[in-house]
Amino acid sequence: MEIIKRAVDHVPVIEIHGQIDLSNCHMLHDEIFSAVEQGDYRLIVDLKKISYIDSSCLGVLLGGLDLVRKRGGGLAIVGNPLVDRVLTLTGLTRLFPFHSSVNDALAGLKP
């Protein structure tokens, strides 16, 4: 797994490449919590370039969502058909704003 951090219009984007599972999801956790500690309460997690995701990652995303919402923020997911299928099967599409591009996610996070 590779993590690329960047910002689009001052909103942190955490981009993940490869497979994300129990062995490495702590890295995503650390990036989300680091951004929140720095005062960023609107985040985009870009999972468009992942090839595998397991339930441990879903727990990290839920924890991140809870963290930013308690501070009045939001967490948007950018994904591919695999991510969409996993979120739909688990019912998490009701909780996470799901987008096909970072620009769409950014528009959805505007206050």
Protein backbone atom coordinates (compact mmCIF):
# COMPACT_ATOMS: atom_id res chain seq x y z
CA MET A 1 0.00 0.00 0.00
CA GLU A 2 1.14 3.50 -0.80
CA ILE A 3 -0.28 6.71 0.70
CA ILE A 4 -0.06 10.03 -1.09
CA LYS A 5 -1.10 13.17 0.80
CA ARG A 6 -2.08 16.37 -0.94
CA ALA A 7 -4.56 19.19 -0.57
CA VAL A 8 -7.20 20.46 -2.96
CA ASP A 9 -8.59 23.90 -2.06
CA HIS A 10 -7.07 23.50 1.42
CA VAL A 11 -8.89 20.18 2.01
CA PRO A 12 -6.59 17.24 2.78
CA VAL A 13 -6.80 14.35 0.33
CA ILE A 14 -5.45 11.01 1.51
CA GLU A 15 -4.93 8.89 -1.59
CA ILE A 16 -4.39 5.15 -1.20
CA HIS A 17 -2.85 2.88 -3.85
CA GLY A 18 -2.80 -0.92 -3.75
CA GLN A 19 -4.36 -3.20 -1.16
CA ILE A 20 -5.60 -2.03 2.22
CA ASP A 21 -6.23 -4.61 4.91
CA LEU A 22 -5.60 -5.46 8.57
CA SER A 23 -1.83 -5.42 8.07
CA ASN A 24 -1.67 -1.80 6.92
CA CYS A 25 -4.95 -0.02 7.73
CA HIS A 26 -3.24 1.55 10.75
CA MET A 27 -1.44 3.78 8.27
CA LEU A 28 -4.74 5.22 7.03
CA HIS A 29 -5.86 5.61 10.65
CA ASP A 30 -2.70 7.56 11.44
CA GLU A 31 -3.15 9.87 8.44
CA ILE A 32 -6.79 10.64 9.30
CA PHE A 33 -6.03 11.33 12.94
CA SER A 34 -2.97 13.41 12.06
CA ALA A 35 -5.07 15.62 9.79
CA VAL A 36 -7.68 16.10 12.52
CA GLU A 37 -5.00 16.94 15.08
CA GLN A 38 -3.82 19.66 12.70
CA GLY A 39 -7.32 21.14 12.66
CA ASP A 40 -8.55 19.67 9.37
CA TYR A 41 -12.14 18.52 9.91
CA ARG A 42 -13.09 18.11 6.25
CA LEU A 43 -11.22 15.22 4.65
CA ILE A 44 -11.26 13.28 1.41
CA VAL A 45 -10.08 9.67 1.33
CA ASP A 46 -9.34 8.72 -2.27
CA LEU A 47 -9.64 4.95 -2.70
CA LYS A 48 -9.95 5.06 -6.48
CA LYS A 49 -6.65 3.22 -7.00
CA ILE A 50 -7.08 0.39 -4.52
CA SER A 51 -7.34 -3.22 -5.61
CA TYR A 52 -8.52 -4.71 -2.29
CA ILE A 53 -10.23 -3.47 0.87
CA ASP A 54 -11.26 -5.44 3.95
CA SER A 55 -13.49 -4.80 6.93
CA SER A 56 -10.67 -3.48 9.11
CA CYS A 57 -10.38 -0.52 6.76
CA LEU A 58 -14.11 0.09 6.99
CA GLY A 59 -13.70 0.38 10.76
CA VAL A 60 -10.94 2.96 10.29
CA LEU A 61 -13.14 4.96 7.91
CA LEU A 62 -16.07 4.84 10.36
CA GLY A 63 -13.82 6.00 13.18
CA GLY A 64 -12.53 8.85 11.04
CA LEU A 65 -16.04 9.85 10.06
CA ASP A 66 -17.12 9.92 13.70
CA LEU A 67 -14.06 11.96 14.64
CA VAL A 68 -14.61 14.70 12.06
CA ARG A 69 -18.39 14.84 12.52
CA LYS A 70 -17.95 15.47 16.26
CA ARG A 71 -15.98 18.55 15.22
CA GLY A 72 -18.53 19.73 12.69
CA GLY A 73 -16.69 18.37 9.67
CA GLY A 74 -17.09 15.60 7.15
CA LEU A 75 -15.27 12.77 5.44
CA ALA A 76 -15.93 11.97 1.79
CA ILE A 77 -14.89 8.83 -0.06
CA VAL A 78 -13.69 8.75 -3.65
CA GLY A 79 -13.78 5.24 -5.00
CA ASN A 80 -13.98 2.75 -7.79
CA PRO A 81 -16.58 0.02 -8.47
CA LEU A 82 -14.93 -2.27 -5.88
CA VAL A 83 -15.24 0.35 -3.13
CA ASP A 84 -18.79 1.17 -4.18
CA ARG A 85 -19.74 -2.52 -4.02
CA VAL A 86 -18.20 -3.00 -0.57
CA LEU A 87 -19.86 0.12 0.84
CA THR A 88 -23.19 -0.84 -0.71
CA LEU A 89 -23.08 -4.43 0.57
CA THR A 90 -22.26 -3.26 4.09
CA GLY A 91 -24.88 -0.49 4.06
CA LEU A 92 -22.25 2.20 4.55
CA THR A 93 -23.33 4.21 1.52
CA ARG A 94 -25.91 5.74 3.86
CA LEU A 95 -23.13 7.14 6.06
CA PHE A 96 -20.37 8.06 3.64
CA PRO A 97 -20.71 10.54 0.84
CA PHE A 98 -19.35 8.47 -2.08
CA HIS A 99 -17.95 10.23 -5.13
CA SER A 100 -16.29 9.26 -8.39
CA SER A 101 -13.79 12.14 -8.33
CA VAL A 102 -11.94 14.34 -5.87
CA ASN A 103 -13.61 17.44 -7.34
CA ASP A 104 -17.08 15.96 -6.73
CA ALA A 105 -16.06 15.05 -3.18
CA LEU A 106 -14.77 18.55 -2.61
CA ALA A 107 -18.05 20.06 -3.82
CA GLY A 108 -19.93 17.74 -1.45
CA LEU A 109 -17.84 18.88 1.53
CA LYS A 110 -18.37 22.59 0.99
CA PRO A 111 -19.89 24.20 4.10
